[in-house]
Amino acid sequence: MKRLQKTVGRVLISGIVLTGAGCRTRVCDTPETQGKCFGEPMADASGRPDLSKLPDLSRFPDLKMPEPDLAKPPDMTQPPDLAPTCTPKKVCGAQNVNPGQSAAYMLMDFDSGKTYTQKVTVTNNMDGSTTYHAEFSDGMGSGIPTSVLTHKFQIYFLGKAHIITEMVKGEVTVSKEAVSGIVNVNEALVGPSCYDVKLIDVEYNNGINSGIFSIVTKTGVPVGNPIKIAEGVTYYSFINGITLPIRVSKVAPGYTFGKAKWAQIAILTEDAKLVSGQDISINGQPQKGFKATVKSDNAGNLLSFDVTIPKGGMLDYCSYE
């Protein structure tokens, strides 16, 4: 032990370096001391460390841990993602009607491969009103069949593209899309404002194809419970005081095309309902003086419709952007 003390010139005790006679302890270059050195002579004439002379630790700086700033604690009453991130813009007011001009359109049914024609005639009447007349034909004496309700089929209404969403004898509803597309399982149709529509799964039951959907925020957080919508159906979801119309045109349950599961869907902004002999309504709001006439055959196929636009008449309704 004596030989070891002679050959070892430095002894480390509790993090303090003790050196030979005439030297000082060196506690330097540490984060606590900020580069400064502290200590006292700690060895006698023999060179042995004098443990009775401990360093004056009162010179060390006060090493207190910083306390957290609790002046503004985080609000944990509601997770941020569950709060509405935006509010859809509600657009209301009277709008001028521009029915366009007389024209003819070729309509394509991509599901059946058949084509139809739509002949539009715009007539100015003696009383200052205008009649918008649309006539449909498959080229064989029939009109548009009700089978188009199970997929997307586009026509023109008052000069703008719409899809047929409802059709029975003497009635037809045409809708304007905000956005549309085909989504696979676990994919979402990106909405124009606050919410997206995500396809969770598809199913086939008693001859009906349906999609299971979830309305999600822009950060992917579900809003409400999943909803089941069959193809050919428009579902009106009410979220935070607004209406979100979701149209499901087609659902593939995974039995064909490589067992792919997908759905063709749209988010709507306008629904125009035409009932023969009544004023048309848009998004549930009647349009005074805009009288409709709808003609169908015995099978319910759509042959034609007329809309009378009163002199100076304006469409007045609300929609969401």
C-alpha atoms as a PDB file:
ATOM      1  CA  MET A   1       0.000   0.000   0.000  1.00  0.00           C
ATOM      2  CA  LYS A   2       2.945   2.367   0.824  1.00  0.00           C
ATOM      3  CA  ARG A   3       4.605   1.628  -2.533  1.00  0.00           C
ATOM      4  CA  LEU A   4       1.343   2.234  -4.300  1.00  0.00           C
ATOM      5  CA  GLN A   5       0.991   5.630  -2.604  1.00  0.00           C
ATOM      6  CA  LYS A   6       4.511   6.591  -3.748  1.00  0.00           C
ATOM      7  CA  THR A   7       3.984   5.610  -7.352  1.00  0.00           C
ATOM      8  CA  VAL A   8       0.487   6.978  -7.745  1.00  0.00           C
ATOM      9  CA  GLY A   9       0.806  10.730  -7.949  1.00  0.00           C
ATOM     10  CA  ARG A  10      -2.948  11.459  -8.246  1.00  0.00           C
ATOM     11  CA  VAL A  11      -5.852  10.165  -6.206  1.00  0.00           C
ATOM     12  CA  LEU A  12      -9.453  10.804  -7.222  1.00  0.00           C
ATOM     13  CA  ILE A  13     -11.893  11.081  -4.320  1.00  0.00           C
ATOM     14  CA  SER A  14     -15.559  11.843  -5.018  1.00  0.00           C
ATOM     15  CA  GLY A  15     -14.753  13.627  -8.247  1.00  0.00           C
ATOM     16  CA  ILE A  16     -12.026  15.894  -6.696  1.00  0.00           C
ATOM     17  CA  VAL A  17      -8.461  15.471  -7.934  1.00  0.00           C
ATOM     18  CA  LEU A  18      -5.850  15.562  -5.171  1.00  0.00           C
ATOM     19  CA  THR A  19      -2.284  16.317  -6.279  1.00  0.00           C
ATOM     20  CA  GLY A  20       1.116  16.402  -4.548  1.00  0.00           C
ATOM     21  CA  ALA A  21       2.458  18.931  -2.008  1.00  0.00           C
ATOM     22  CA  GLY A  22       2.171  22.546  -2.916  1.00  0.00           C
ATOM     23  CA  CYS A  23      -0.544  21.833  -5.470  1.00  0.00           C
ATOM     24  CA  ARG A  24      -4.161  22.672  -5.384  1.00  0.00           C
ATOM     25  CA  THR A  25      -7.195  20.695  -6.210  1.00  0.00           C
ATOM     26  CA  ARG A  26      -8.310  21.379  -9.742  1.00  0.00           C
ATOM     27  CA  VAL A  27     -11.981  21.331 -10.527  1.00  0.00           C
ATOM     28  CA  CYS A  28     -12.065  22.970 -13.904  1.00  0.00           C
ATOM     29  CA  ASP A  29     -13.807  23.170 -17.234  1.00  0.00           C
ATOM     30  CA  THR A  30     -17.098  21.634 -16.207  1.00  0.00           C
ATOM     31  CA  PRO A  31     -20.542  22.917 -17.088  1.00  0.00           C
ATOM     32  CA  GLU A  32     -21.153  23.709 -13.442  1.00  0.00           C
ATOM     33  CA  THR A  33     -18.011  25.807 -12.936  1.00  0.00           C
ATOM     34  CA  GLN A  34     -18.146  27.464 -16.373  1.00  0.00           C
ATOM     35  CA  GLY A  35     -14.394  27.080 -16.936  1.00  0.00           C
ATOM     36  CA  LYS A  36     -13.254  28.352 -13.488  1.00  0.00           C
ATOM     37  CA  CYS A  37     -10.994  26.423 -11.012  1.00  0.00           C
ATOM     38  CA  PHE A  38     -11.529  26.115  -7.290  1.00  0.00           C
ATOM     39  CA  GLY A  39      -9.598  24.430  -4.401  1.00  0.00           C
ATOM     40  CA  GLU A  40      -6.937  24.683  -1.600  1.00  0.00           C
ATOM     41  CA  PRO A  41      -3.529  23.016  -0.868  1.00  0.00           C
ATOM     42  CA  MET A  42      -4.342  19.475   0.184  1.00  0.00           C
ATOM     43  CA  ALA A  43      -1.000  17.726   0.829  1.00  0.00           C
ATOM     44  CA  ASP A  44       1.570  17.824   3.606  1.00  0.00           C
ATOM     45  CA  ALA A  45       5.420  17.863   3.285  1.00  0.00           C
ATOM     46  CA  SER A  46       5.526  14.089   2.767  1.00  0.00           C
ATOM     47  CA  GLY A  47       3.412  14.401  -0.293  1.00  0.00           C
ATOM     48  CA  ARG A  48       0.571  12.456   1.209  1.00  0.00           C
ATOM     49  CA  PRO A  49      -2.892  13.940   0.711  1.00  0.00           C
ATOM     50  CA  ASP A  50      -4.127  15.735   3.792  1.00  0.00           C
ATOM     51  CA  LEU A  51      -7.744  14.721   3.944  1.00  0.00           C
ATOM     52  CA  SER A  52      -8.395  17.025   6.867  1.00  0.00           C
ATOM     53  CA  LYS A  53      -8.194  19.967   4.526  1.00  0.00           C
ATOM     54  CA  LEU A  54     -11.240  19.596   2.372  1.00  0.00           C
ATOM     55  CA  PRO A  55     -11.898  22.190  -0.286  1.00  0.00           C
ATOM     56  CA  ASP A  56     -14.093  25.132   0.478  1.00  0.00           C
ATOM     57  CA  LEU A  57     -17.204  24.099  -1.434  1.00  0.00           C
ATOM     58  CA  SER A  58     -18.912  27.352  -0.587  1.00  0.00           C
ATOM     59  CA  ARG A  59     -17.153  28.866  -3.595  1.00  0.00           C
ATOM     60  CA  PHE A  60     -19.014  26.651  -6.016  1.00  0.00           C
ATOM     61  CA  PRO A  61     -21.880  28.359  -7.820  1.00  0.00           C
ATOM     62  CA  ASP A  62     -25.451  27.613  -6.830  1.00  0.00           C
ATOM     63  CA  LEU A  63     -26.433  24.720  -9.105  1.00  0.00           C
ATOM     64  CA  LYS A  64     -30.217  24.830  -8.848  1.00  0.00           C
ATOM     65  CA  MET A  65     -32.325  23.073 -11.494  1.00  0.00           C
ATOM     66  CA  PRO A  66     -34.454  25.502 -13.488  1.00  0.00           C
ATOM     67  CA  GLU A  67     -38.133  25.262 -12.580  1.00  0.00           C
ATOM     68  CA  PRO A  68     -40.708  24.819 -15.374  1.00  0.00           C
ATOM     69  CA  ASP A  69     -42.751  27.841 -16.380  1.00  0.00           C
ATOM     70  CA  LEU A  70     -46.292  26.974 -15.352  1.00  0.00           C
ATOM     71  CA  ALA A  71     -47.701  30.410 -16.007  1.00  0.00           C
ATOM     72  CA  LYS A  72     -49.540  29.131 -19.114  1.00  0.00           C
ATOM     73  CA  PRO A  73     -50.208  25.398 -18.730  1.00  0.00           C
ATOM     74  CA  PRO A  74     -51.462  23.621 -21.890  1.00  0.00           C
ATOM     75  CA  ASP A  75     -55.227  23.254 -22.272  1.00  0.00           C
ATOM     76  CA  MET A  76     -55.857  19.510 -22.095  1.00  0.00           C
ATOM     77  CA  THR A  77     -59.635  19.738 -21.857  1.00  0.00           C
ATOM     78  CA  GLN A  78     -59.984  18.692 -25.533  1.00  0.00           C
ATOM     79  CA  PRO A  79     -57.415  17.119 -27.877  1.00  0.00           C
ATOM     80  CA  PRO A  80     -56.628  19.682 -30.609  1.00  0.00           C
ATOM     81  CA  ASP A  81     -57.414  17.263 -33.489  1.00  0.00           C
ATOM     82  CA  LEU A  82     -60.971  16.742 -32.248  1.00  0.00           C
ATOM     83  CA  ALA A  83     -61.827  20.430 -32.445  1.00  0.00           C
ATOM     84  CA  PRO A  84     -63.156  21.769 -35.776  1.00  0.00           C
ATOM     85  CA  THR A  85     -60.218  23.123 -37.757  1.00  0.00           C
ATOM     86  CA  CYS A  86     -62.358  25.253 -40.055  1.00  0.00           C
ATOM     87  CA  THR A  87     -65.915  26.194 -40.906  1.00  0.00           C
ATOM     88  CA  PRO A  88     -67.304  25.682 -44.404  1.00  0.00           C
ATOM     89  CA  LYS A  89     -68.336  28.857 -46.165  1.00  0.00           C
ATOM     90  CA  LYS A  90     -72.098  29.125 -46.458  1.00  0.00           C
ATOM     91  CA  VAL A  91     -73.104  30.975 -49.613  1.00  0.00           C
ATOM     92  CA  CYS A  92     -76.633  32.389 -49.778  1.00  0.00           C
ATOM     93  CA  GLY A  93     -78.399  34.866 -51.967  1.00  0.00           C
ATOM     94  CA  ALA A  94     -80.068  35.472 -55.292  1.00  0.00           C
ATOM     95  CA  GLN A  95     -78.255  34.405 -58.431  1.00  0.00           C
ATOM     96  CA  ASN A  96     -78.844  35.349 -62.030  1.00  0.00           C
ATOM     97  CA  VAL A  97     -79.991  32.550 -64.305  1.00  0.00           C
ATOM     98  CA  ASN A  98     -78.099  31.975 -67.521  1.00  0.00           C
ATOM     99  CA  PRO A  99     -79.737  29.011 -69.259  1.00  0.00           C
ATOM    100  CA  GLY A 100     -77.324  29.202 -72.135  1.00  0.00           C
ATOM    101  CA  GLN A 101     -78.281  28.694 -75.739  1.00  0.00           C
ATOM    102  CA  SER A 102     -79.948  25.973 -77.733  1.00  0.00           C
ATOM    103  CA  ALA A 103     -77.477  23.129 -78.134  1.00  0.00           C
ATOM    104  CA  ALA A 104     -77.100  19.376 -78.484  1.00  0.00           C
ATOM    105  CA  TYR A 105     -74.953  17.178 -76.229  1.00  0.00           C
ATOM    106  CA  MET A 106     -73.683  13.632 -76.497  1.00  0.00           C
ATOM    107  CA  LEU A 107     -74.092  11.804 -73.183  1.00  0.00           C
ATOM    108  CA  MET A 108     -71.973   8.748 -72.421  1.00  0.00           C
ATOM    109  CA  ASP A 109     -72.960   5.976 -70.046  1.00  0.00           C
ATOM    110  CA  PHE A 110     -69.555   4.534 -69.161  1.00  0.00           C
ATOM    111  CA  ASP A 111     -71.109   1.664 -67.229  1.00  0.00           C
ATOM    112  CA  SER A 112     -73.153   0.208 -70.089  1.00  0.00           C
ATOM    113  CA  GLY A 113     -71.209   1.736 -72.944  1.00  0.00           C
ATOM    114  CA  LYS A 114     -74.367   3.256 -74.423  1.00  0.00           C
ATOM    115  CA  THR A 115     -74.641   6.825 -75.685  1.00  0.00           C
ATOM    116  CA  TYR A 116     -77.589   9.210 -75.463  1.00  0.00           C
ATOM    117  CA  THR A 117     -78.353  12.634 -76.844  1.00  0.00           C
ATOM    118  CA  GLN A 118     -79.632  15.694 -75.015  1.00  0.00           C
ATOM    119  CA  LYS A 119     -81.188  18.377 -77.161  1.00  0.00           C
ATOM    120  CA  VAL A 120     -81.621  21.734 -75.418  1.00  0.00           C
ATOM    121  CA  THR A 121     -83.915  24.469 -76.719  1.00  0.00           C
ATOM    122  CA  VAL A 122     -84.034  27.905 -75.054  1.00  0.00           C
ATOM    123  CA  THR A 123     -87.107  29.951 -76.009  1.00  0.00           C
ATOM    124  CA  ASN A 124     -87.975  33.526 -75.091  1.00  0.00           C
ATOM    125  CA  ASN A 125     -91.724  33.859 -74.520  1.00  0.00           C
ATOM    126  CA  MET A 126     -94.072  36.817 -75.160  1.00  0.00           C
ATOM    127  CA  ASP A 127     -94.581  37.505 -71.439  1.00  0.00           C
ATOM    128  CA  GLY A 128     -90.839  37.939 -70.922  1.00  0.00           C
ATOM    129  CA  SER A 129     -90.296  34.499 -69.430  1.00  0.00           C
ATOM    130  CA  THR A 130     -87.867  31.923 -70.822  1.00  0.00           C
ATOM    131  CA  THR A 131     -88.433  28.201 -71.309  1.00  0.00           C
ATOM    132  CA  TYR A 132     -85.525  25.784 -70.940  1.00  0.00           C
ATOM    133  CA  HIS A 133     -86.430  22.528 -72.658  1.00  0.00           C
ATOM    134  CA  ALA A 134     -84.231  19.394 -72.506  1.00  0.00           C
ATOM    135  CA  GLU A 135     -85.131  16.280 -74.506  1.00  0.00           C
ATOM    136  CA  PHE A 136     -83.342  12.936 -74.173  1.00  0.00           C
ATOM    137  CA  SER A 137     -83.083   9.988 -76.542  1.00  0.00           C
ATOM    138  CA  ASP A 138     -81.210   6.699 -76.807  1.00  0.00           C
ATOM    139  CA  GLY A 139     -81.692   6.707 -80.585  1.00  0.00           C
ATOM    140  CA  MET A 140     -84.326   3.984 -80.415  1.00  0.00           C
ATOM    141  CA  GLY A 141     -87.341   5.932 -79.189  1.00  0.00           C
ATOM    142  CA  SER A 142     -86.598   5.741 -75.484  1.00  0.00           C
ATOM    143  CA  GLY A 143     -85.030   8.111 -72.983  1.00  0.00           C
ATOM    144  CA  ILE A 144     -82.592   7.741 -70.108  1.00  0.00           C
ATOM    145  CA  PRO A 145     -83.236   4.574 -68.061  1.00  0.00           C
ATOM    146  CA  THR A 146     -83.409   4.443 -64.281  1.00  0.00           C
ATOM    147  CA  SER A 147     -80.391   2.105 -64.316  1.00  0.00           C
ATOM    148  CA  VAL A 148     -78.109   5.164 -64.547  1.00  0.00           C
ATOM    149  CA  LEU A 149     -78.841   5.806 -60.875  1.00  0.00           C
ATOM    150  CA  THR A 150     -76.396   3.037 -59.910  1.00  0.00           C
ATOM    151  CA  HIS A 151     -73.472   4.881 -61.454  1.00  0.00           C
ATOM    152  CA  LYS A 152     -72.415   8.372 -62.449  1.00  0.00           C
ATOM    153  CA  PHE A 153     -74.332   9.799 -65.394  1.00  0.00           C
ATOM    154  CA  GLN A 154     -73.928  13.436 -66.413  1.00  0.00           C
ATOM    155  CA  ILE A 155     -76.436  15.712 -68.149  1.00  0.00           C
ATOM    156  CA  TYR A 156     -76.829  19.489 -68.487  1.00  0.00           C
ATOM    157  CA  PHE A 157     -79.237  21.644 -66.477  1.00  0.00           C
ATOM    158  CA  LEU A 158     -79.607  25.387 -67.085  1.00  0.00           C
ATOM    159  CA  GLY A 159     -76.332  25.450 -68.945  1.00  0.00           C
ATOM    160  CA  LYS A 160     -74.244  23.613 -66.301  1.00  0.00           C
ATOM    161  CA  ALA A 161     -73.093  20.008 -65.897  1.00  0.00           C
ATOM    162  CA  HIS A 162     -75.034  17.981 -63.308  1.00  0.00           C
ATOM    163  CA  ILE A 163     -75.445  14.295 -62.486  1.00  0.00           C
ATOM    164  CA  ILE A 164     -78.760  12.485 -62.117  1.00  0.00           C
ATOM    165  CA  THR A 165     -79.222  11.462 -58.474  1.00  0.00           C
ATOM    166  CA  GLU A 166     -82.945  10.610 -58.300  1.00  0.00           C
ATOM    167  CA  MET A 167     -85.478   9.657 -60.936  1.00  0.00           C
ATOM    168  CA  VAL A 168     -89.046   8.332 -60.768  1.00  0.00           C
ATOM    169  CA  LYS A 169     -91.984   8.869 -63.062  1.00  0.00           C
ATOM    170  CA  GLY A 170     -92.714  12.588 -63.294  1.00  0.00           C
ATOM    171  CA  GLU A 171     -89.743  13.566 -61.086  1.00  0.00           C
ATOM    172  CA  VAL A 172     -85.992  13.981 -61.463  1.00  0.00           C
ATOM    173  CA  THR A 173     -83.234  15.368 -59.234  1.00  0.00           C
ATOM    174  CA  VAL A 174     -79.994  16.625 -60.741  1.00  0.00           C
ATOM    175  CA  SER A 175     -76.990  17.570 -58.608  1.00  0.00           C
ATOM    176  CA  LYS A 176     -73.870  19.664 -59.003  1.00  0.00           C
ATOM    177  CA  GLU A 177     -70.618  18.147 -57.784  1.00  0.00           C
ATOM    178  CA  ALA A 178     -68.071  19.992 -55.697  1.00  0.00           C
ATOM    179  CA  VAL A 179     -65.534  17.170 -56.104  1.00  0.00           C
ATOM    180  CA  SER A 180     -65.716  13.545 -57.208  1.00  0.00           C
ATOM    181  CA  GLY A 181     -63.496  10.539 -57.823  1.00  0.00           C
ATOM    182  CA  ILE A 182     -62.800   6.854 -57.277  1.00  0.00           C
ATOM    183  CA  VAL A 183     -61.291   5.871 -53.924  1.00  0.00           C
ATOM    184  CA  ASN A 184     -59.878   2.529 -52.807  1.00  0.00           C
ATOM    185  CA  VAL A 185     -60.259   1.097 -49.314  1.00  0.00           C
ATOM    186  CA  ASN A 186     -58.393   3.261 -46.746  1.00  0.00           C
ATOM    187  CA  GLU A 187     -58.263   6.169 -49.185  1.00  0.00           C
ATOM    188  CA  ALA A 188     -60.202   9.427 -48.873  1.00  0.00           C
ATOM    189  CA  LEU A 189     -61.865  11.796 -51.286  1.00  0.00           C
ATOM    190  CA  VAL A 190     -60.422  15.203 -50.442  1.00  0.00           C
ATOM    191  CA  GLY A 191     -63.254  17.640 -49.808  1.00  0.00           C
ATOM    192  CA  PRO A 192     -63.267  21.280 -50.909  1.00  0.00           C
ATOM    193  CA  SER A 193     -63.244  22.706 -47.385  1.00  0.00           C
ATOM    194  CA  CYS A 194     -63.200  21.133 -43.914  1.00  0.00           C
ATOM    195  CA  TYR A 195     -63.905  17.427 -44.303  1.00  0.00           C
ATOM    196  CA  ASP A 196     -62.808  14.448 -46.383  1.00  0.00           C
ATOM    197  CA  VAL A 197     -64.707  11.197 -46.998  1.00  0.00           C
ATOM    198  CA  LYS A 198     -62.715   7.999 -46.353  1.00  0.00           C
ATOM    199  CA  LEU A 199     -63.682   4.551 -47.620  1.00  0.00           C
ATOM    200  CA  ILE A 200     -63.206   2.031 -44.798  1.00  0.00           C
ATOM    201  CA  ASP A 201     -64.635  -1.094 -46.424  1.00  0.00           C
ATOM    202  CA  VAL A 202     -67.177  -2.365 -48.961  1.00  0.00           C
ATOM    203  CA  GLU A 203     -69.778  -5.082 -48.681  1.00  0.00           C
ATOM    204  CA  TYR A 204     -72.297  -7.025 -50.729  1.00  0.00           C
ATOM    205  CA  ASN A 205     -75.592  -8.012 -49.151  1.00  0.00           C
ATOM    206  CA  ASN A 206     -78.784  -9.279 -50.828  1.00  0.00           C
ATOM    207  CA  GLY A 207     -77.736  -7.992 -54.228  1.00  0.00           C
ATOM    208  CA  ILE A 208     -76.824  -4.506 -52.975  1.00  0.00           C
ATOM    209  CA  ASN A 209     -73.295  -3.105 -53.034  1.00  0.00           C
ATOM    210  CA  SER A 210     -72.521  -0.674 -50.213  1.00  0.00           C
ATOM    211  CA  GLY A 211     -69.557   1.270 -48.935  1.00  0.00           C
ATOM    212  CA  ILE A 212     -68.626   1.890 -45.302  1.00  0.00           C
ATOM    213  CA  PHE A 213     -67.393   5.462 -45.007  1.00  0.00           C
ATOM    214  CA  SER A 214     -65.928   7.718 -42.349  1.00  0.00           C
ATOM    215  CA  ILE A 215     -66.012  11.503 -42.439  1.00  0.00           C
ATOM    216  CA  VAL A 216     -62.611  12.760 -41.304  1.00  0.00           C
ATOM    217  CA  THR A 217     -60.946  16.101 -40.655  1.00  0.00           C
ATOM    218  CA  LYS A 218     -58.002  17.299 -42.727  1.00  0.00           C
ATOM    219  CA  THR A 219     -55.712  15.660 -40.135  1.00  0.00           C
ATOM    220  CA  GLY A 220     -57.482  12.311 -40.555  1.00  0.00           C
ATOM    221  CA  VAL A 221     -59.456  12.340 -37.284  1.00  0.00           C
ATOM    222  CA  PRO A 222     -62.883  10.641 -37.658  1.00  0.00           C
ATOM    223  CA  VAL A 223     -65.948  12.786 -37.023  1.00  0.00           C
ATOM    224  CA  GLY A 224     -68.859  10.734 -35.721  1.00  0.00           C
ATOM    225  CA  ASN A 225     -69.514   7.065 -36.414  1.00  0.00           C
ATOM    226  CA  PRO A 226     -68.916   5.229 -39.714  1.00  0.00           C
ATOM    227  CA  ILE A 227     -71.826   5.360 -42.174  1.00  0.00           C
ATOM    228  CA  LYS A 228     -73.058   2.777 -44.650  1.00  0.00           C
ATOM    229  CA  ILE A 229     -74.199   4.050 -48.066  1.00  0.00           C
ATOM    230  CA  ALA A 230     -75.471   1.862 -50.895  1.00  0.00           C
ATOM    231  CA  GLU A 231     -74.609   2.679 -54.487  1.00  0.00           C
ATOM    232  CA  GLY A 232     -77.130   4.954 -56.151  1.00  0.00           C
ATOM    233  CA  VAL A 233     -77.888   6.737 -52.863  1.00  0.00           C
ATOM    234  CA  THR A 234     -77.204  10.305 -51.697  1.00  0.00           C
ATOM    235  CA  TYR A 235     -76.529  10.511 -47.958  1.00  0.00           C
ATOM    236  CA  TYR A 236     -76.946  13.844 -46.177  1.00  0.00           C
ATOM    237  CA  SER A 237     -74.594  14.094 -43.208  1.00  0.00           C
ATOM    238  CA  PHE A 238     -75.064  16.884 -40.655  1.00  0.00           C
ATOM    239  CA  ILE A 239     -71.819  18.010 -39.000  1.00  0.00           C
ATOM    240  CA  ASN A 240     -71.378  21.013 -36.725  1.00  0.00           C
ATOM    241  CA  GLY A 241     -74.490  22.662 -38.130  1.00  0.00           C
ATOM    242  CA  ILE A 242     -73.730  22.101 -41.809  1.00  0.00           C
ATOM    243  CA  THR A 243     -74.983  19.649 -44.429  1.00  0.00           C
ATOM    244  CA  LEU A 244     -72.491  17.453 -46.265  1.00  0.00           C
ATOM    245  CA  PRO A 245     -74.215  15.600 -49.155  1.00  0.00           C
ATOM    246  CA  ILE A 246     -72.306  12.435 -50.147  1.00  0.00           C
ATOM    247  CA  ARG A 247     -73.278  10.708 -53.369  1.00  0.00           C
ATOM    248  CA  VAL A 248     -72.244   7.082 -53.909  1.00  0.00           C
ATOM    249  CA  SER A 249     -72.534   6.255 -57.600  1.00  0.00           C
ATOM    250  CA  LYS A 250     -70.764   2.902 -57.787  1.00  0.00           C
ATOM    251  CA  VAL A 251     -69.276   0.329 -55.397  1.00  0.00           C
ATOM    252  CA  ALA A 252     -66.973  -2.544 -56.382  1.00  0.00           C
ATOM    253  CA  PRO A 253     -67.174  -5.273 -53.684  1.00  0.00           C
ATOM    254  CA  GLY A 254     -63.973  -6.988 -54.776  1.00  0.00           C
ATOM    255  CA  TYR A 255     -65.372  -9.856 -56.831  1.00  0.00           C
ATOM    256  CA  THR A 256     -64.008  -8.628 -60.164  1.00  0.00           C
ATOM    257  CA  PHE A 257     -61.086  -6.643 -61.602  1.00  0.00           C
ATOM    258  CA  GLY A 258     -58.457  -8.389 -59.516  1.00  0.00           C
ATOM    259  CA  LYS A 259     -60.630  -8.340 -56.381  1.00  0.00           C
ATOM    260  CA  ALA A 260     -60.216  -4.585 -56.118  1.00  0.00           C
ATOM    261  CA  LYS A 261     -62.475  -2.793 -53.637  1.00  0.00           C
ATOM    262  CA  TRP A 262     -63.338   0.787 -54.492  1.00  0.00           C
ATOM    263  CA  ALA A 263     -66.172   3.290 -54.650  1.00  0.00           C
ATOM    264  CA  GLN A 264     -67.053   6.136 -56.991  1.00  0.00           C
ATOM    265  CA  ILE A 265     -68.277   9.006 -54.824  1.00  0.00           C
ATOM    266  CA  ALA A 266     -68.887  12.747 -54.894  1.00  0.00           C
ATOM    267  CA  ILE A 267     -69.461  15.601 -52.478  1.00  0.00           C
ATOM    268  CA  LEU A 268     -72.358  17.694 -53.752  1.00  0.00           C
ATOM    269  CA  THR A 269     -73.046  21.429 -53.499  1.00  0.00           C
ATOM    270  CA  GLU A 270     -76.464  21.698 -55.166  1.00  0.00           C
ATOM    271  CA  ASP A 271     -79.545  19.513 -55.558  1.00  0.00           C
ATOM    272  CA  ALA A 272     -82.175  20.690 -58.032  1.00  0.00           C
ATOM    273  CA  LYS A 273     -85.433  18.760 -57.717  1.00  0.00           C
ATOM    274  CA  LEU A 274     -87.939  18.923 -60.561  1.00  0.00           C
ATOM    275  CA  VAL A 275     -91.491  17.670 -59.960  1.00  0.00           C
ATOM    276  CA  SER A 276     -93.889  18.007 -62.831  1.00  0.00           C
ATOM    277  CA  GLY A 277     -96.372  20.859 -62.264  1.00  0.00           C
ATOM    278  CA  GLN A 278     -94.489  22.359 -59.302  1.00  0.00           C
ATOM    279  CA  ASP A 279     -91.821  25.009 -58.740  1.00  0.00           C
ATOM    280  CA  ILE A 280     -88.333  23.558 -58.728  1.00  0.00           C
ATOM    281  CA  SER A 281     -86.429  23.462 -55.426  1.00  0.00           C
ATOM    282  CA  ILE A 282     -82.680  23.793 -54.911  1.00  0.00           C
ATOM    283  CA  ASN A 283     -81.180  22.402 -51.720  1.00  0.00           C
ATOM    284  CA  GLY A 284     -84.700  22.125 -50.370  1.00  0.00           C
ATOM    285  CA  GLN A 285     -85.582  25.761 -51.029  1.00  0.00           C
ATOM    286  CA  PRO A 286     -88.511  26.340 -53.478  1.00  0.00           C
ATOM    287  CA  GLN A 287     -87.819  28.735 -56.359  1.00  0.00           C
ATOM    288  CA  LYS A 288     -90.995  30.767 -56.880  1.00  0.00           C
ATOM    289  CA  GLY A 289     -92.155  30.963 -60.486  1.00  0.00           C
ATOM    290  CA  PHE A 290     -89.614  28.401 -61.800  1.00  0.00           C
ATOM    291  CA  LYS A 291     -92.257  25.914 -62.938  1.00  0.00           C
ATOM    292  CA  ALA A 292     -91.143  22.411 -63.991  1.00  0.00           C
ATOM    293  CA  THR A 293     -92.616  19.836 -66.353  1.00  0.00           C
ATOM    294  CA  VAL A 294     -91.140  16.320 -66.370  1.00  0.00           C
ATOM    295  CA  LYS A 295     -92.091  13.640 -68.895  1.00  0.00           C
ATOM    296  CA  SER A 296     -91.331   9.948 -68.395  1.00  0.00           C
ATOM    297  CA  ASP A 297     -92.449   6.757 -70.135  1.00  0.00           C
ATOM    298  CA  ASN A 298     -94.291   3.927 -68.392  1.00  0.00           C
ATOM    299  CA  ALA A 299     -91.002   2.379 -67.276  1.00  0.00           C
ATOM    300  CA  GLY A 300     -89.933   5.602 -65.607  1.00  0.00           C
ATOM    301  CA  ASN A 301     -87.288   6.419 -68.217  1.00  0.00           C
ATOM    302  CA  LEU A 302     -86.663  10.163 -68.498  1.00  0.00           C
ATOM    303  CA  LEU A 303     -87.839  11.611 -71.823  1.00  0.00           C
ATOM    304  CA  SER A 304     -87.684  15.364 -71.211  1.00  0.00           C
ATOM    305  CA  PHE A 305     -88.089  18.205 -68.760  1.00  0.00           C
ATOM    306  CA  ASP A 306     -88.956  21.903 -69.036  1.00  0.00           C
ATOM    307  CA  VAL A 307     -88.207  24.759 -66.660  1.00  0.00           C
ATOM    308  CA  THR A 308     -89.988  28.094 -67.081  1.00  0.00           C
ATOM    309  CA  ILE A 309     -87.807  30.992 -65.926  1.00  0.00           C
ATOM    310  CA  PRO A 310     -89.935  34.034 -64.972  1.00  0.00           C
ATOM    311  CA  LYS A 311     -89.066  37.482 -66.286  1.00  0.00           C
ATOM    312  CA  GLY A 312     -86.287  38.867 -64.142  1.00  0.00           C
ATOM    313  CA  GLY A 313     -86.392  35.690 -62.063  1.00  0.00           C
ATOM    314  CA  MET A 314     -83.383  34.816 -59.901  1.00  0.00           C
ATOM    315  CA  LEU A 315     -82.497  31.604 -58.111  1.00  0.00           C
ATOM    316  CA  ASP A 316     -82.305  32.129 -54.366  1.00  0.00           C
ATOM    317  CA  TYR A 317     -80.792  29.393 -52.200  1.00  0.00           C
ATOM    318  CA  CYS A 318     -77.876  28.490 -49.932  1.00  0.00           C
ATOM    319  CA  SER A 319     -74.989  26.149 -50.633  1.00  0.00           C
ATOM    320  CA  TYR A 320     -71.664  25.309 -48.997  1.00  0.00           C
ATOM    321  CA  GLU A 321     -68.263  25.791 -50.570  1.00  0.00           C
END
